[in-house]
């Protein structure tokens, strides 16, 4: 944080389940490859505040899991044309979200 001059602490962590995090405070997004209306990552990343972004396991989220995020005001977000591994998807989202803010 000191080197970058940023006051944000970025945290990436694995979850056993998403129930508790869905209830947390913040702007919610979920990367999902299924058929749903999606917001582009470029637009989602313009939102300010604490972000809780869910990146699914291999094989993607179930429709029920995505619906839990949407019910709490979350957005289904398109991460791009290419299929990403879980590890690279997290870096991709962080680079868009924090790259716009400098």
PDB file of N, CA and C in Angstrom:
ATOM      1  N   UNK A   1       0.827  -1.185   0.000  1.00  0.00           N
ATOM      2  CA  UNK A   1       0.000   0.000   0.000  1.00  0.00           C
ATOM      3  C   UNK A   1       0.869   1.246   0.000  1.00  0.00           C
ATOM      4  N   UNK A   2       1.942   1.228   0.782  1.00  0.00           N
ATOM      5  CA  UNK A   2       2.797   2.402   0.877  1.00  0.00           C
ATOM      6  C   UNK A   2       3.443   2.717  -0.470  1.00  0.00           C
ATOM      7  N   UNK A   3       3.982   1.697  -1.142  1.00  0.00           N
ATOM      8  CA  UNK A   3       4.643   1.911  -2.426  1.00  0.00           C
ATOM      9  C   UNK A   3       3.690   2.438  -3.492  1.00  0.00           C
ATOM     10  N   UNK A   4       2.463   1.953  -3.498  1.00  0.00           N
ATOM     11  CA  UNK A   4       1.514   2.360  -4.537  1.00  0.00           C
ATOM     12  C   UNK A   4       0.786   3.652  -4.193  1.00  0.00           C
ATOM     13  N   UNK A   5       0.882   4.097  -2.939  1.00  0.00           N
ATOM     14  CA  UNK A   5       0.168   5.300  -2.522  1.00  0.00           C
ATOM     15  C   UNK A   5      -1.328   5.082  -2.409  1.00  0.00           C
ATOM     16  N   UNK A   6      -1.735   3.831  -2.292  1.00  0.00           N
ATOM     17  CA  UNK A   6      -3.147   3.485  -2.229  1.00  0.00           C
ATOM     18  C   UNK A   6      -3.556   3.172  -0.794  1.00  0.00           C
ATOM     19  N   UNK A   7      -4.770   3.513  -0.456  1.00  0.00           N
ATOM     20  CA  UNK A   7      -5.300   3.205   0.865  1.00  0.00           C
ATOM     21  C   UNK A   7      -6.179   1.971   0.868  1.00  0.00           C
ATOM     22  N   UNK A   8      -6.199   1.219  -0.229  1.00  0.00           N
ATOM     23  CA  UNK A   8      -7.049   0.045  -0.338  1.00  0.00           C
ATOM     24  C   UNK A   8      -6.271  -1.231  -0.029  1.00  0.00           C
ATOM     25  N   UNK A   9      -6.861  -2.083   0.762  1.00  0.00           N
ATOM     26  CA  UNK A   9      -6.300  -3.411   1.000  1.00  0.00           C
ATOM     27  C   UNK A   9      -7.080  -4.372   0.109  1.00  0.00           C
ATOM     28  N   UNK A  10      -6.386  -5.016  -0.826  1.00  0.00           N
ATOM     29  CA  UNK A  10      -7.028  -5.991  -1.697  1.00  0.00           C
ATOM     30  C   UNK A  10      -6.899  -7.361  -1.061  1.00  0.00           C
ATOM     31  N   UNK A  11      -7.982  -8.088  -1.057  1.00  0.00           N
ATOM     32  CA  UNK A  11      -7.965  -9.407  -0.437  1.00  0.00           C
ATOM     33  C   UNK A  11      -8.567 -10.411  -1.404  1.00  0.00           C
ATOM     34  N   UNK A  12      -7.840 -11.461  -1.668  1.00  0.00           N
ATOM     35  CA  UNK A  12      -8.337 -12.561  -2.477  1.00  0.00           C
ATOM     36  C   UNK A  12      -8.319 -13.783  -1.576  1.00  0.00           C
ATOM     37  N   UNK A  13      -9.461 -14.456  -1.485  1.00  0.00           N
ATOM     38  CA  UNK A  13      -9.464 -15.645  -0.648  1.00  0.00           C
ATOM     39  C   UNK A  13     -10.471 -16.657  -1.159  1.00  0.00           C
ATOM     40  N   UNK A  14     -10.193 -17.889  -0.849  1.00  0.00           N
ATOM     41  CA  UNK A  14     -11.088 -18.985  -1.217  1.00  0.00           C
ATOM     42  C   UNK A  14     -12.187 -19.089  -0.163  1.00  0.00           C
ATOM     43  N   UNK A  15     -13.369 -19.410  -0.604  1.00  0.00           N
ATOM     44  CA  UNK A  15     -14.505 -19.565   0.304  1.00  0.00           C
ATOM     45  C   UNK A  15     -14.975 -21.014   0.309  1.00  0.00           C
ATOM     46  N   UNK A  16     -15.434 -21.464   1.460  1.00  0.00           N
ATOM     47  CA  UNK A  16     -16.043 -22.789   1.543  1.00  0.00           C
ATOM     48  C   UNK A  16     -17.455 -22.749   0.969  1.00  0.00           C
ATOM     49  N   UNK A  17     -18.088 -21.623   1.093  1.00  0.00           N
ATOM     50  CA  UNK A  17     -19.431 -21.405   0.572  1.00  0.00           C
ATOM     51  C   UNK A  17     -19.623 -19.916   0.406  1.00  0.00           C
ATOM     52  N   UNK A  18     -20.647 -19.531  -0.282  1.00  0.00           N
ATOM     53  CA  UNK A  18     -20.817 -18.105  -0.530  1.00  0.00           C
ATOM     54  C   UNK A  18     -21.920 -17.468   0.311  1.00  0.00           C
ATOM     55  N   UNK A  19     -22.628 -18.241   1.106  1.00  0.00           N
ATOM     56  CA  UNK A  19     -23.765 -17.710   1.863  1.00  0.00           C
ATOM     57  C   UNK A  19     -23.410 -16.514   2.740  1.00  0.00           C
ATOM     58  N   UNK A  20     -22.357 -16.610   3.528  1.00  0.00           N
ATOM     59  CA  UNK A  20     -21.990 -15.518   4.431  1.00  0.00           C
ATOM     60  C   UNK A  20     -21.522 -14.279   3.670  1.00  0.00           C
ATOM     61  N   UNK A  21     -20.726 -14.473   2.639  1.00  0.00           N
ATOM     62  CA  UNK A  21     -20.211 -13.335   1.878  1.00  0.00           C
ATOM     63  C   UNK A  21     -21.302 -12.629   1.089  1.00  0.00           C
ATOM     64  N   UNK A  22     -22.300 -13.356   0.630  1.00  0.00           N
ATOM     65  CA  UNK A  22     -23.408 -12.738  -0.099  1.00  0.00           C
ATOM     66  C   UNK A  22     -24.116 -11.735   0.796  1.00  0.00           C
ATOM     67  N   UNK A  23     -24.171 -12.023   2.094  1.00  0.00           N
ATOM     68  CA  UNK A  23     -24.844 -11.141   3.054  1.00  0.00           C
ATOM     69  C   UNK A  23     -23.996  -9.936   3.436  1.00  0.00           C
ATOM     70  N   UNK A  24     -22.705  -9.948   3.136  1.00  0.00           N
ATOM     71  CA  UNK A  24     -21.811  -8.867   3.529  1.00  0.00           C
ATOM     72  C   UNK A  24     -22.147  -7.551   2.848  1.00  0.00           C
ATOM     73  N   UNK A  25     -21.620  -6.480   3.401  1.00  0.00           N
ATOM     74  CA  UNK A  25     -21.852  -5.150   2.826  1.00  0.00           C
ATOM     75  C   UNK A  25     -20.866  -4.890   1.708  1.00  0.00           C
ATOM     76  N   UNK A  26     -21.361  -4.307   0.652  1.00  0.00           N
ATOM     77  CA  UNK A  26     -20.502  -3.954  -0.463  1.00  0.00           C
ATOM     78  C   UNK A  26     -21.213  -4.137  -1.787  1.00  0.00           C
ATOM     79  N   UNK A  27     -20.539  -3.779  -2.839  1.00  0.00           N
ATOM     80  CA  UNK A  27     -21.029  -3.937  -4.195  1.00  0.00           C
ATOM     81  C   UNK A  27     -20.706  -5.363  -4.611  1.00  0.00           C
ATOM     82  N   UNK A  28     -21.701  -6.102  -5.046  1.00  0.00           N
ATOM     83  CA  UNK A  28     -21.499  -7.502  -5.380  1.00  0.00           C
ATOM     84  C   UNK A  28     -21.503  -7.719  -6.884  1.00  0.00           C
ATOM     85  N   UNK A  29     -20.593  -8.568  -7.307  1.00  0.00           N
ATOM     86  CA  UNK A  29     -20.553  -8.985  -8.697  1.00  0.00           C
ATOM     87  C   UNK A  29     -20.233 -10.458  -8.755  1.00  0.00           C
ATOM     88  N   UNK A  30     -20.692 -11.100  -9.812  1.00  0.00           N
ATOM     89  CA  UNK A  30     -20.406 -12.514  -9.998  1.00  0.00           C
ATOM     90  C   UNK A  30     -20.062 -12.746 -11.466  1.00  0.00           C
ATOM     91  N   UNK A  31     -18.890 -13.342 -11.688  1.00  0.00           N
ATOM     92  CA  UNK A  31     -18.508 -13.734 -13.038  1.00  0.00           C
ATOM     93  C   UNK A  31     -19.216 -15.030 -13.373  1.00  0.00           C
ATOM     94  N   UNK A  32     -19.950 -15.052 -14.489  1.00  0.00           N
ATOM     95  CA  UNK A  32     -20.765 -16.218 -14.804  1.00  0.00           C
ATOM     96  C   UNK A  32     -20.786 -16.415 -16.312  1.00  0.00           C
ATOM     97  N   UNK A  33     -20.589 -17.648 -16.734  1.00  0.00           N
ATOM     98  CA  UNK A  33     -20.564 -17.953 -18.153  1.00  0.00           C
ATOM     99  C   UNK A  33     -21.891 -18.409 -18.719  1.00  0.00           C
ATOM    100  N   UNK A  34     -22.891 -18.569 -17.858  1.00  0.00           N
ATOM    101  CA  UNK A  34     -24.199 -19.053 -18.304  1.00  0.00           C
ATOM    102  C   UNK A  34     -25.004 -17.984 -19.039  1.00  0.00           C
ATOM    103  N   UNK A  35     -26.174 -18.385 -19.449  1.00  0.00           N
ATOM    104  CA  UNK A  35     -27.066 -17.490 -20.196  1.00  0.00           C
ATOM    105  C   UNK A  35     -27.859 -16.616 -19.236  1.00  0.00           C
ATOM    106  N   UNK A  36     -27.449 -15.376 -19.123  1.00  0.00           N
ATOM    107  CA  UNK A  36     -28.123 -14.352 -18.317  1.00  0.00           C
ATOM    108  C   UNK A  36     -27.738 -13.012 -18.879  1.00  0.00           C
ATOM    109  N   UNK A  37     -28.542 -12.010 -18.583  1.00  0.00           N
ATOM    110  CA  UNK A  37     -28.150 -10.649 -18.951  1.00  0.00           C
ATOM    111  C   UNK A  37     -26.951 -10.275 -18.086  1.00  0.00           C
ATOM    112  N   UNK A  38     -25.934  -9.682 -18.722  1.00  0.00           N
ATOM    113  CA  UNK A  38     -24.688  -9.388 -18.003  1.00  0.00           C
ATOM    114  C   UNK A  38     -24.265  -7.949 -18.205  1.00  0.00           C
ATOM    115  N   UNK A  39     -23.611  -7.444 -17.185  1.00  0.00           N
ATOM    116  CA  UNK A  39     -22.989  -6.131 -17.263  1.00  0.00           C
ATOM    117  C   UNK A  39     -21.536  -6.337 -17.668  1.00  0.00           C
ATOM    118  N   UNK A  40     -21.009  -5.462 -18.493  1.00  0.00           N
ATOM    119  CA  UNK A  40     -19.607  -5.581 -18.895  1.00  0.00           C
ATOM    120  C   UNK A  40     -18.711  -5.214 -17.714  1.00  0.00           C
ATOM    121  N   UNK A  41     -17.584  -5.901 -17.600  1.00  0.00           N
ATOM    122  CA  UNK A  41     -16.642  -5.640 -16.518  1.00  0.00           C
ATOM    123  C   UNK A  41     -16.185  -4.189 -16.526  1.00  0.00           C
ATOM    124  N   UNK A  42     -16.033  -3.624 -17.687  1.00  0.00           N
ATOM    125  CA  UNK A  42     -15.631  -2.211 -17.823  1.00  0.00           C
ATOM    126  C   UNK A  42     -16.626  -1.297 -17.099  1.00  0.00           C
ATOM    127  N   UNK A  43     -17.912  -1.568 -17.225  1.00  0.00           N
ATOM    128  CA  UNK A  43     -18.937  -0.754 -16.564  1.00  0.00           C
ATOM    129  C   UNK A  43     -19.006  -1.059 -15.073  1.00  0.00           C
ATOM    130  N   UNK A  44     -18.948  -2.345 -14.717  1.00  0.00           N
ATOM    131  CA  UNK A  44     -19.001  -2.737 -13.305  1.00  0.00           C
ATOM    132  C   UNK A  44     -17.851  -2.099 -12.531  1.00  0.00           C
ATOM    133  N   UNK A  45     -16.683  -2.042 -13.132  1.00  0.00           N
ATOM    134  CA  UNK A  45     -15.489  -1.559 -12.436  1.00  0.00           C
ATOM    135  C   UNK A  45     -15.508  -0.057 -12.188  1.00  0.00           C
ATOM    136  N   UNK A  46     -16.487   0.657 -12.707  1.00  0.00           N
ATOM    137  CA  UNK A  46     -16.608   2.099 -12.446  1.00  0.00           C
ATOM    138  C   UNK A  46     -17.268   2.383 -11.097  1.00  0.00           C
ATOM    139  N   UNK A  47     -17.832   1.358 -10.477  1.00  0.00           N
ATOM    140  CA  UNK A  47     -18.506   1.535  -9.181  1.00  0.00           C
ATOM    141  C   UNK A  47     -17.467   1.748  -8.085  1.00  0.00           C
ATOM    142  N   UNK A  48     -17.792   2.613  -7.168  1.00  0.00           N
ATOM    143  CA  UNK A  48     -16.868   2.897  -6.060  1.00  0.00           C
ATOM    144  C   UNK A  48     -17.371   2.230  -4.788  1.00  0.00           C
ATOM    145  N   UNK A  49     -16.458   1.830  -3.935  1.00  0.00           N
ATOM    146  CA  UNK A  49     -16.814   1.230  -2.658  1.00  0.00           C
ATOM    147  C   UNK A  49     -16.222  -0.157  -2.511  1.00  0.00           C
ATOM    148  N   UNK A  50     -16.565  -0.786  -1.417  1.00  0.00           N
ATOM    149  CA  UNK A  50     -16.089  -2.149  -1.142  1.00  0.00           C
ATOM    150  C   UNK A  50     -16.758  -3.098  -2.124  1.00  0.00           C
ATOM    151  N   UNK A  51     -15.954  -3.939  -2.737  1.00  0.00           N
ATOM    152  CA  UNK A  51     -16.465  -4.873  -3.738  1.00  0.00           C
ATOM    153  C   UNK A  51     -16.297  -6.301  -3.252  1.00  0.00           C
ATOM    154  N   UNK A  52     -17.348  -7.072  -3.400  1.00  0.00           N
ATOM    155  CA  UNK A  52     -17.308  -8.513  -3.166  1.00  0.00           C
ATOM    156  C   UNK A  52     -17.582  -9.127  -4.529  1.00  0.00           C
ATOM    157  N   UNK A  53     -16.573  -9.772  -5.099  1.00  0.00           N
ATOM    158  CA  UNK A  53     -16.721 -10.331  -6.444  1.00  0.00           C
ATOM    159  C   UNK A  53     -16.505 -11.832  -6.374  1.00  0.00           C
ATOM    160  N   UNK A  54     -17.472 -12.582  -6.865  1.00  0.00           N
ATOM    161  CA  UNK A  54     -17.427 -14.034  -6.819  1.00  0.00           C
ATOM    162  C   UNK A  54     -16.945 -14.582  -8.155  1.00  0.00           C
ATOM    163  N   UNK A  55     -15.922 -15.406  -8.079  1.00  0.00           N
ATOM    164  CA  UNK A  55     -15.398 -16.097  -9.247  1.00  0.00           C
ATOM    165  C   UNK A  55     -15.562 -17.578  -8.979  1.00  0.00           C
ATOM    166  N   UNK A  56     -16.240 -18.232  -9.872  1.00  0.00           N
ATOM    167  CA  UNK A  56     -16.651 -19.609  -9.634  1.00  0.00           C
ATOM    168  C   UNK A  56     -15.579 -20.649  -9.781  1.00  0.00           C
ATOM    169  N   UNK A  57     -15.936 -21.828  -9.384  1.00  0.00           N
ATOM    170  CA  UNK A  57     -15.038 -22.977  -9.514  1.00  0.00           C
ATOM    171  C   UNK A  57     -15.026 -23.464 -10.954  1.00  0.00           C
ATOM    172  N   UNK A  58     -14.168 -24.425 -11.231  1.00  0.00           N
ATOM    173  CA  UNK A  58     -14.176 -25.062 -12.548  1.00  0.00           C
ATOM    174  C   UNK A  58     -15.578 -25.606 -12.790  1.00  0.00           C
ATOM    175  N   UNK A  59     -16.113 -25.332 -13.941  1.00  0.00           N
ATOM    176  CA  UNK A  59     -17.479 -25.758 -14.234  1.00  0.00           C
ATOM    177  C   UNK A  59     -18.506 -24.681 -13.954  1.00  0.00           C
ATOM    178  N   UNK A  60     -18.088 -23.571 -13.366  1.00  0.00           N
ATOM    179  CA  UNK A  60     -18.929 -22.392 -13.135  1.00  0.00           C
ATOM    180  C   UNK A  60     -19.881 -22.576 -11.950  1.00  0.00           C
ATOM    181  N   UNK A  61     -20.559 -21.501 -11.616  1.00  0.00           N
ATOM    182  CA  UNK A  61     -21.558 -21.501 -10.557  1.00  0.00           C
ATOM    183  C   UNK A  61     -22.819 -22.193 -11.044  1.00  0.00           C
ATOM    184  N   UNK A  62     -23.641 -22.616 -10.107  1.00  0.00           N
ATOM    185  CA  UNK A  62     -24.972 -23.096 -10.467  1.00  0.00           C
ATOM    186  C   UNK A  62     -25.868 -21.869 -10.623  1.00  0.00           C
ATOM    187  N   UNK A  63     -26.980 -22.061 -11.273  1.00  0.00           N
ATOM    188  CA  UNK A  63     -27.949 -20.973 -11.434  1.00  0.00           C
ATOM    189  C   UNK A  63     -28.438 -20.492 -10.062  1.00  0.00           C
ATOM    190  N   UNK A  64     -28.624 -21.405  -9.110  1.00  0.00           N
ATOM    191  CA  UNK A  64     -29.071 -21.039  -7.763  1.00  0.00           C
ATOM    192  C   UNK A  64     -28.045 -20.156  -7.050  1.00  0.00           C
ATOM    193  N   UNK A  65     -26.761 -20.465  -7.214  1.00  0.00           N
ATOM    194  CA  UNK A  65     -25.717 -19.657  -6.586  1.00  0.00           C
ATOM    195  C   UNK A  65     -25.699 -18.244  -7.166  1.00  0.00           C
ATOM    196  N   UNK A  66     -25.843 -18.134  -8.462  1.00  0.00           N
ATOM    197  CA  UNK A  66     -25.878 -16.818  -9.113  1.00  0.00           C
ATOM    198  C   UNK A  66     -27.098 -16.044  -8.628  1.00  0.00           C
ATOM    199  N   UNK A  67     -28.210 -16.711  -8.506  1.00  0.00           N
ATOM    200  CA  UNK A  67     -29.440 -16.056  -8.066  1.00  0.00           C
ATOM    201  C   UNK A  67     -29.305 -15.492  -6.646  1.00  0.00           C
ATOM    202  N   UNK A  68     -28.563 -16.159  -5.765  1.00  0.00           N
ATOM    203  CA  UNK A  68     -28.332 -15.641  -4.409  1.00  0.00           C
ATOM    204  C   UNK A  68     -27.644 -14.275  -4.458  1.00  0.00           C
ATOM    205  N   UNK A  69     -26.676 -14.130  -5.348  1.00  0.00           N
ATOM    206  CA  UNK A  69     -25.959 -12.858  -5.484  1.00  0.00           C
ATOM    207  C   UNK A  69     -26.892 -11.792  -6.053  1.00  0.00           C
ATOM    208  N   UNK A  70     -27.658 -12.143  -7.068  1.00  0.00           N
ATOM    209  CA  UNK A  70     -28.574 -11.204  -7.713  1.00  0.00           C
ATOM    210  C   UNK A  70     -29.654 -10.737  -6.735  1.00  0.00           C
ATOM    211  N   UNK A  71     -30.168 -11.655  -5.918  1.00  0.00           N
ATOM    212  CA  UNK A  71     -31.198 -11.300  -4.932  1.00  0.00           C
ATOM    213  C   UNK A  71     -30.715 -10.248  -3.942  1.00  0.00           C
ATOM    214  N   UNK A  72     -29.421 -10.204  -3.685  1.00  0.00           N
ATOM    215  CA  UNK A  72     -28.848  -9.224  -2.758  1.00  0.00           C
ATOM    216  C   UNK A  72     -28.365  -7.975  -3.495  1.00  0.00           C
ATOM    217  N   UNK A  73     -28.823  -7.785  -4.732  1.00  0.00           N
ATOM    218  CA  UNK A  73     -28.476  -6.588  -5.479  1.00  0.00           C
ATOM    219  C   UNK A  73     -27.217  -6.707  -6.314  1.00  0.00           C
ATOM    220  N   UNK A  74     -26.666  -7.907  -6.400  1.00  0.00           N
ATOM    221  CA  UNK A  74     -25.446  -8.104  -7.167  1.00  0.00           C
ATOM    222  C   UNK A  74     -25.690  -8.107  -8.659  1.00  0.00           C
ATOM    223  N   UNK A  75     -24.617  -7.921  -9.395  1.00  0.00           N
ATOM    224  CA  UNK A  75     -24.669  -7.906 -10.849  1.00  0.00           C
ATOM    225  C   UNK A  75     -23.949  -9.123 -11.413  1.00  0.00           C
ATOM    226  N   UNK A  76     -24.504  -9.697 -12.455  1.00  0.00           N
ATOM    227  CA  UNK A  76     -23.836 -10.744 -13.199  1.00  0.00           C
ATOM    228  C   UNK A  76     -22.931 -10.025 -14.189  1.00  0.00           C
ATOM    229  N   UNK A  77     -21.655 -10.388 -14.190  1.00  0.00           N
ATOM    230  CA  UNK A  77     -20.669  -9.628 -14.951  1.00  0.00           C
ATOM    231  C   UNK A  77     -19.980 -10.514 -15.980  1.00  0.00           C
ATOM    232  N   UNK A  78     -19.870  -9.989 -17.197  1.00  0.00           N
ATOM    233  CA  UNK A  78     -19.142 -10.666 -18.262  1.00  0.00           C
ATOM    234  C   UNK A  78     -17.667 -10.314 -18.135  1.00  0.00           C
ATOM    235  N   UNK A  79     -16.815 -11.313 -18.054  1.00  0.00           N
ATOM    236  CA  UNK A  79     -15.384 -11.067 -17.865  1.00  0.00           C
ATOM    237  C   UNK A  79     -14.620 -10.949 -19.178  1.00  0.00           C
ATOM    238  N   UNK A  80     -15.279 -11.156 -20.291  1.00  0.00           N
ATOM    239  CA  UNK A  80     -14.626 -11.040 -21.587  1.00  0.00           C
ATOM    240  C   UNK A  80     -14.948 -12.221 -22.474  1.00  0.00           C
ATOM    241  N   UNK A  81     -14.353 -12.228 -23.659  1.00  0.00           N
ATOM    242  CA  UNK A  81     -14.639 -13.270 -24.650  1.00  0.00           C
ATOM    243  C   UNK A  81     -13.952 -14.594 -24.326  1.00  0.00           C
ATOM    244  N   UNK A  82     -12.811 -14.532 -23.688  1.00  0.00           N
ATOM    245  CA  UNK A  82     -12.035 -15.735 -23.413  1.00  0.00           C
ATOM    246  C   UNK A  82     -12.450 -16.395 -22.104  1.00  0.00           C
ATOM    247  N   UNK A  83     -12.367 -17.698 -22.064  1.00  0.00           N
ATOM    248  CA  UNK A  83     -12.600 -18.443 -20.828  1.00  0.00           C
ATOM    249  C   UNK A  83     -11.348 -18.308 -19.966  1.00  0.00           C
ATOM    250  N   UNK A  84     -11.512 -17.964 -18.712  1.00  0.00           N
ATOM    251  CA  UNK A  84     -10.381 -17.752 -17.808  1.00  0.00           C
ATOM    252  C   UNK A  84     -10.350 -18.815 -16.717  1.00  0.00           C
ATOM    253  N   UNK A  85      -9.156 -19.168 -16.299  1.00  0.00           N
ATOM    254  CA  UNK A  85      -9.002 -20.028 -15.124  1.00  0.00           C
ATOM    255  C   UNK A  85      -9.373 -19.208 -13.891  1.00  0.00           C
ATOM    256  N   UNK A  86      -9.728 -19.875 -12.821  1.00  0.00           N
ATOM    257  CA  UNK A  86     -10.110 -19.184 -11.590  1.00  0.00           C
ATOM    258  C   UNK A  86      -9.021 -18.216 -11.140  1.00  0.00           C
ATOM    259  N   UNK A  87      -7.776 -18.670 -11.166  1.00  0.00           N
ATOM    260  CA  UNK A  87      -6.662 -17.843 -10.688  1.00  0.00           C
ATOM    261  C   UNK A  87      -6.486 -16.586 -11.533  1.00  0.00           C
ATOM    262  N   UNK A  88      -6.577 -16.730 -12.844  1.00  0.00           N
ATOM    263  CA  UNK A  88      -6.377 -15.567 -13.710  1.00  0.00           C
ATOM    264  C   UNK A  88      -7.606 -14.668 -13.730  1.00  0.00           C
ATOM    265  N   UNK A  89      -8.783 -15.226 -13.496  1.00  0.00           N
ATOM    266  CA  UNK A  89      -9.999 -14.412 -13.459  1.00  0.00           C
ATOM    267  C   UNK A  89      -9.936 -13.407 -12.306  1.00  0.00           C
ATOM    268  N   UNK A  90      -9.431 -13.829 -11.155  1.00  0.00           N
ATOM    269  CA  UNK A  90      -9.305 -12.920 -10.012  1.00  0.00           C
ATOM    270  C   UNK A  90      -8.369 -11.761 -10.340  1.00  0.00           C
ATOM    271  N   UNK A  91      -7.245 -12.052 -10.947  1.00  0.00           N
ATOM    272  CA  UNK A  91      -6.297 -11.000 -11.322  1.00  0.00           C
ATOM    273  C   UNK A  91      -6.910 -10.093 -12.381  1.00  0.00           C
ATOM    274  N   UNK A  92      -7.629 -10.669 -13.315  1.00  0.00           N
ATOM    275  CA  UNK A  92      -8.293  -9.905 -14.374  1.00  0.00           C
ATOM    276  C   UNK A  92      -9.274  -8.887 -13.782  1.00  0.00           C
ATOM    277  N   UNK A  93     -10.108  -9.346 -12.859  1.00  0.00           N
ATOM    278  CA  UNK A  93     -11.090  -8.455 -12.222  1.00  0.00           C
ATOM    279  C   UNK A  93     -10.389  -7.352 -11.438  1.00  0.00           C
ATOM    280  N   UNK A  94      -9.385  -7.706 -10.645  1.00  0.00           N
ATOM    281  CA  UNK A  94      -8.655  -6.694  -9.874  1.00  0.00           C
ATOM    282  C   UNK A  94      -7.976  -5.673 -10.773  1.00  0.00           C
ATOM    283  N   UNK A  95      -7.413  -6.110 -11.866  1.00  0.00           N
ATOM    284  CA  UNK A  95      -6.724  -5.170 -12.746  1.00  0.00           C
ATOM    285  C   UNK A  95      -7.697  -4.190 -13.374  1.00  0.00           C
ATOM    286  N   UNK A  96      -8.899  -4.631 -13.738  1.00  0.00           N
ATOM    287  CA  UNK A  96      -9.898  -3.720 -14.265  1.00  0.00           C
ATOM    288  C   UNK A  96     -10.401  -2.780 -13.170  1.00  0.00           C
ATOM    289  N   UNK A  97     -10.770  -3.359 -12.036  1.00  0.00           N
ATOM    290  CA  UNK A  97     -11.403  -2.555 -10.984  1.00  0.00           C
ATOM    291  C   UNK A  97     -10.461  -1.494 -10.439  1.00  0.00           C
ATOM    292  N   UNK A  98      -9.244  -1.863 -10.146  1.00  0.00           N
ATOM    293  CA  UNK A  98      -8.316  -0.896  -9.563  1.00  0.00           C
ATOM    294  C   UNK A  98      -7.502  -0.155 -10.614  1.00  0.00           C
ATOM    295  N   UNK A  99      -7.406  -0.699 -11.813  1.00  0.00           N
ATOM    296  CA  UNK A  99      -6.692  -0.023 -12.879  1.00  0.00           C
ATOM    297  C   UNK A  99      -7.369   1.271 -13.297  1.00  0.00           C
ATOM    298  N   UNK A 100      -8.674   1.301 -13.245  1.00  0.00           N
ATOM    299  CA  UNK A 100      -9.429   2.505 -13.627  1.00  0.00           C
ATOM    300  C   UNK A 100      -9.198   3.626 -12.620  1.00  0.00           C
ATOM    301  N   UNK A 101      -8.994   3.281 -11.373  1.00  0.00           N
ATOM    302  CA  UNK A 101      -8.800   4.294 -10.336  1.00  0.00           C
ATOM    303  C   UNK A 101      -7.356   4.771 -10.220  1.00  0.00           C
ATOM    304  N   UNK A 102      -6.446   4.050 -10.853  1.00  0.00           N
ATOM    305  CA  UNK A 102      -5.036   4.454 -10.818  1.00  0.00           C
ATOM    306  C   UNK A 102      -4.317   4.037  -9.576  1.00  0.00           C
TER     307      UNK A 102
END
